[in-house]
């Protein structure tokens, strides 16, 4: 957990809260979610809870940089989740299009289906390259990758939603039911545009970082 513990904006401290801490409890569980239903979601209630100094992580008022670094790692991880959703969706629609026949031939041979599958593949590979490039260069002991951490998540979140949407379209009525998985992938993908920072916050952060750059893009 993080808490503001001093008068300055960056006076933030990180600490552990044990589940049996007096004054700490789990509140309302949120079950009626669009997607990510396997992930438990609940309110955390702090009612005069006291945390001993022994549970402070790092230095008091020294967690701001740690928090920013963890946000970068989180956003890269969520971008990678978008890649997984897109890859699964792409595999499902590709296999279905080869098996499903219309007017005597597989629907994979029709231009409209080819356009959805090939566009999805190109977007998936673009996101994959971006994510892998950042993951390879990121120093987990430092911060300063905010521009591309925001960028990977911004691109891959939307890409995952678009690819899973196309998968539903390729499968038609089958895509709309749970048996073929892609409707769940579409529902799960939406959270990536909200959790870990909304798309709008990424736009703001990236615009700020780009405006501060003194060098041309390579």
Protein backbone atom coordinates (compact mmCIF):
# COMPACT_ATOMS: atom_id res chain seq x y z
CA UNK A 1 0.00 0.00 0.00
CA UNK A 2 1.00 3.64 -0.49
CA UNK A 3 0.04 6.63 1.63
CA UNK A 4 0.87 10.33 1.69
CA UNK A 5 2.89 10.81 4.88
CA UNK A 6 4.32 14.33 4.63
CA UNK A 7 3.55 17.89 3.55
CA UNK A 8 5.25 17.71 0.15
CA UNK A 9 3.47 16.20 -2.89
CA UNK A 10 6.11 13.48 -3.22
CA UNK A 11 6.08 12.54 0.49
CA UNK A 12 4.71 9.06 -0.10
CA UNK A 13 5.51 5.95 1.92
CA UNK A 14 5.06 2.29 0.99
CA UNK A 15 4.06 -0.24 3.62
CA UNK A 16 2.56 -3.66 4.18
CA UNK A 17 -0.84 -4.16 5.78
CA UNK A 18 -1.42 -7.61 7.24
CA UNK A 19 -4.92 -8.96 6.72
CA UNK A 20 -5.43 -9.33 10.49
CA UNK A 21 -4.53 -5.69 11.22
CA UNK A 22 -7.15 -4.15 13.56
CA UNK A 23 -9.25 -1.64 11.67
CA UNK A 24 -8.59 -3.22 8.28
CA UNK A 25 -11.27 -5.31 6.58
CA UNK A 26 -12.60 -6.32 3.19
CA UNK A 27 -15.70 -4.44 2.20
CA UNK A 28 -18.18 -5.01 -0.58
CA UNK A 29 -17.17 -7.64 -3.11
CA UNK A 30 -17.83 -6.57 -6.69
CA UNK A 31 -19.01 -9.57 -8.69
CA UNK A 32 -21.16 -8.21 -11.51
CA UNK A 33 -18.26 -7.19 -13.78
CA UNK A 34 -18.16 -7.02 -17.57
CA UNK A 35 -14.96 -9.04 -17.75
CA UNK A 36 -11.98 -10.31 -15.73
CA UNK A 37 -14.49 -12.23 -13.62
CA UNK A 38 -11.89 -14.70 -12.35
CA UNK A 39 -10.09 -11.82 -10.62
CA UNK A 40 -11.55 -11.08 -7.16
CA UNK A 41 -12.44 -7.42 -6.73
CA UNK A 42 -13.45 -5.82 -3.42
CA UNK A 43 -13.28 -2.62 -1.42
CA UNK A 44 -10.53 -2.35 1.19
CA UNK A 45 -11.75 -0.61 4.33
CA UNK A 46 -9.40 1.19 6.72
CA UNK A 47 -11.10 2.32 9.94
CA UNK A 48 -8.47 3.82 12.29
CA UNK A 49 -6.08 1.05 11.24
CA UNK A 50 -2.55 1.51 12.63
CA UNK A 51 0.51 0.13 10.85
CA UNK A 52 3.78 -0.31 12.81
CA UNK A 53 7.08 1.10 11.55
CA UNK A 54 8.32 -2.46 11.07
CA UNK A 55 5.95 -2.77 8.09
CA UNK A 56 7.26 0.29 6.26
CA UNK A 57 8.95 -0.66 2.98
CA UNK A 58 12.04 1.41 2.24
CA UNK A 59 12.41 4.91 3.62
CA UNK A 60 9.62 7.06 4.99
CA UNK A 61 8.49 9.62 2.39
CA UNK A 62 10.71 7.85 -0.15
CA UNK A 63 8.29 5.73 -2.16
CA UNK A 64 7.30 8.18 -4.91
CA UNK A 65 9.96 6.96 -7.35
CA UNK A 66 9.20 3.35 -6.44
CA UNK A 67 5.52 3.95 -7.16
CA UNK A 68 6.32 5.48 -10.55
CA UNK A 69 8.61 2.56 -11.43
CA UNK A 70 5.94 0.06 -10.43
CA UNK A 71 3.37 1.88 -12.55
CA UNK A 72 5.67 1.51 -15.55
CA UNK A 73 6.07 -2.22 -14.89
CA UNK A 74 2.32 -2.62 -14.37
CA UNK A 75 1.49 -0.89 -17.64
CA UNK A 76 3.96 -3.03 -19.56
CA UNK A 77 2.41 -6.11 -17.94
CA UNK A 78 -1.09 -5.03 -18.96
CA UNK A 79 0.14 -4.42 -22.50
CA UNK A 80 1.47 -7.98 -22.51
CA UNK A 81 -1.96 -9.15 -21.36
CA UNK A 82 -3.42 -7.41 -24.40
CA UNK A 83 -0.99 -9.36 -26.56
CA UNK A 84 -2.22 -12.61 -25.06
CA UNK A 85 -5.84 -11.69 -25.73
CA UNK A 86 -5.04 -10.76 -29.31
CA UNK A 87 -3.02 -13.92 -29.96
CA UNK A 88 -5.76 -16.17 -28.61
CA UNK A 89 -8.40 -14.32 -30.64
CA UNK A 90 -6.28 -14.52 -33.77
CA UNK A 91 -5.71 -18.26 -33.39
CA UNK A 92 -9.42 -18.92 -32.82
CA UNK A 93 -10.60 -16.93 -35.84
CA UNK A 94 -7.87 -18.37 -38.07
CA UNK A 95 -8.75 -21.98 -37.25
CA UNK A 96 -12.49 -21.36 -37.48
CA UNK A 97 -12.14 -19.63 -40.85
CA UNK A 98 -10.27 -22.64 -42.24
CA UNK A 99 -12.91 -25.11 -41.03
CA UNK A 100 -16.11 -23.14 -41.68
CA UNK A 101 -17.44 -23.52 -45.20
CA UNK A 102 -19.84 -21.31 -47.13
CA UNK A 103 -20.93 -21.88 -50.72
CA UNK A 104 -18.65 -24.88 -50.98
CA UNK A 105 -15.37 -23.39 -49.75
CA UNK A 106 -13.81 -22.27 -46.48
CA UNK A 107 -14.57 -18.72 -45.48
CA UNK A 108 -10.81 -18.14 -45.24
CA UNK A 109 -10.86 -17.77 -49.03
CA UNK A 110 -13.17 -14.72 -48.91
CA UNK A 111 -11.61 -11.27 -49.02
CA UNK A 112 -13.58 -9.78 -46.14
CA UNK A 113 -12.48 -12.57 -43.80
CA UNK A 114 -8.90 -12.34 -45.05
CA UNK A 115 -8.89 -8.59 -44.35
CA UNK A 116 -9.96 -9.08 -40.74
CA UNK A 117 -7.45 -11.85 -40.08
CA UNK A 118 -4.47 -10.23 -41.80
CA UNK A 119 -5.12 -6.80 -40.26
CA UNK A 120 -5.35 -8.45 -36.86
CA UNK A 121 -2.07 -10.27 -37.42
CA UNK A 122 -0.24 -7.10 -38.48
CA UNK A 123 -1.54 -5.20 -35.45
CA UNK A 124 -0.64 -8.07 -33.11
CA UNK A 125 2.90 -8.20 -34.46
CA UNK A 126 3.29 -4.43 -34.15
CA UNK A 127 2.19 -4.59 -30.52
CA UNK A 128 4.40 -7.60 -29.86
CA UNK A 129 7.46 -5.82 -31.23
CA UNK A 130 6.76 -2.73 -29.13
CA UNK A 131 6.20 -4.69 -25.93
CA UNK A 132 9.21 -6.97 -26.38
CA UNK A 133 11.47 -4.03 -27.22
CA UNK A 134 10.50 -2.15 -24.06
CA UNK A 135 10.68 -5.27 -21.90
CA UNK A 136 14.21 -5.96 -23.14
CA UNK A 137 15.46 -2.43 -22.45
CA UNK A 138 13.63 -1.71 -19.18
CA UNK A 139 15.73 -1.52 -16.00
CA UNK A 140 13.58 -2.90 -13.17
CA UNK A 141 15.67 -1.01 -10.62
CA UNK A 142 15.05 2.41 -12.15
CA UNK A 143 12.28 4.55 -13.59
CA UNK A 144 12.13 6.74 -16.66
CA UNK A 145 10.30 4.52 -19.15
CA UNK A 146 6.96 6.24 -18.69
CA UNK A 147 6.53 7.35 -22.29
CA UNK A 148 6.76 3.87 -23.74
CA UNK A 149 5.13 2.13 -20.78
CA UNK A 150 2.11 4.32 -21.47
CA UNK A 151 2.55 3.81 -25.20
CA UNK A 152 2.62 0.02 -25.14
CA UNK A 153 -0.49 -0.16 -22.99
CA UNK A 154 -2.32 2.48 -25.02
CA UNK A 155 -1.64 0.60 -28.26
CA UNK A 156 -2.09 -2.97 -27.05
CA UNK A 157 -5.26 -2.32 -25.05
CA UNK A 158 -7.08 -0.94 -28.06
CA UNK A 159 -5.49 -3.50 -30.37
CA UNK A 160 -6.69 -6.40 -28.18
CA UNK A 161 -10.22 -5.06 -28.17
CA UNK A 162 -10.24 -4.59 -31.95
CA UNK A 163 -8.77 -8.03 -32.67
CA UNK A 164 -11.19 -9.81 -30.32
CA UNK A 165 -14.06 -7.85 -31.87
CA UNK A 166 -13.01 -9.06 -35.32
CA UNK A 167 -12.80 -12.60 -34.00
CA UNK A 168 -16.44 -12.38 -32.90
CA UNK A 169 -17.35 -11.08 -36.35
CA UNK A 170 -15.51 -13.90 -38.14
CA UNK A 171 -17.25 -16.52 -35.99
CA UNK A 172 -20.63 -14.86 -36.41
CA UNK A 173 -23.27 -16.23 -34.04
CA UNK A 174 -20.78 -18.68 -32.55
CA UNK A 175 -18.56 -15.77 -31.57
CA UNK A 176 -21.37 -14.33 -29.48
CA UNK A 177 -21.62 -17.35 -27.16
CA UNK A 178 -19.25 -18.50 -24.46
CA UNK A 179 -18.34 -21.85 -25.99
CA UNK A 180 -15.93 -20.27 -28.47
CA UNK A 181 -14.09 -18.06 -25.95
CA UNK A 182 -13.78 -14.88 -28.01
CA UNK A 183 -16.75 -13.15 -26.39
CA UNK A 184 -14.95 -13.48 -23.04
CA UNK A 185 -11.72 -12.19 -24.54
CA UNK A 186 -13.59 -9.15 -25.87
CA UNK A 187 -15.10 -8.48 -22.45
CA UNK A 188 -11.75 -8.90 -20.72
CA UNK A 189 -9.99 -6.57 -23.16
CA UNK A 190 -12.11 -3.57 -22.17
CA UNK A 191 -10.58 -3.36 -18.71
CA UNK A 192 -7.16 -2.77 -20.28
CA UNK A 193 -8.41 0.62 -21.49
CA UNK A 194 -9.37 1.54 -17.92
CA UNK A 195 -7.26 -0.30 -15.34
CA UNK A 196 -3.67 0.73 -14.66
CA UNK A 197 -4.42 4.14 -16.16
CA UNK A 198 -7.14 5.11 -18.60
CA UNK A 199 -6.45 5.77 -22.26
CA UNK A 200 -7.06 9.44 -21.56
CA UNK A 201 -4.38 9.52 -18.86
CA UNK A 202 -1.91 7.86 -21.23
CA UNK A 203 -2.61 10.52 -23.85
CA UNK A 204 -1.94 13.24 -21.28
CA UNK A 205 1.23 11.61 -19.93
CA UNK A 206 2.67 10.90 -23.36
CA UNK A 207 1.93 14.40 -24.65
CA UNK A 208 3.71 15.85 -21.61
CA UNK A 209 6.75 13.60 -22.07
CA UNK A 210 6.98 14.24 -25.81
CA UNK A 211 6.79 18.00 -25.30
CA UNK A 212 9.81 17.78 -22.98
CA UNK A 213 11.98 15.89 -25.46
CA UNK A 214 14.88 17.95 -26.81
CA UNK A 215 15.90 15.45 -29.49
CA UNK A 216 14.20 14.22 -32.63
CA UNK A 217 12.60 10.80 -32.67
CA UNK A 218 14.82 8.12 -34.15
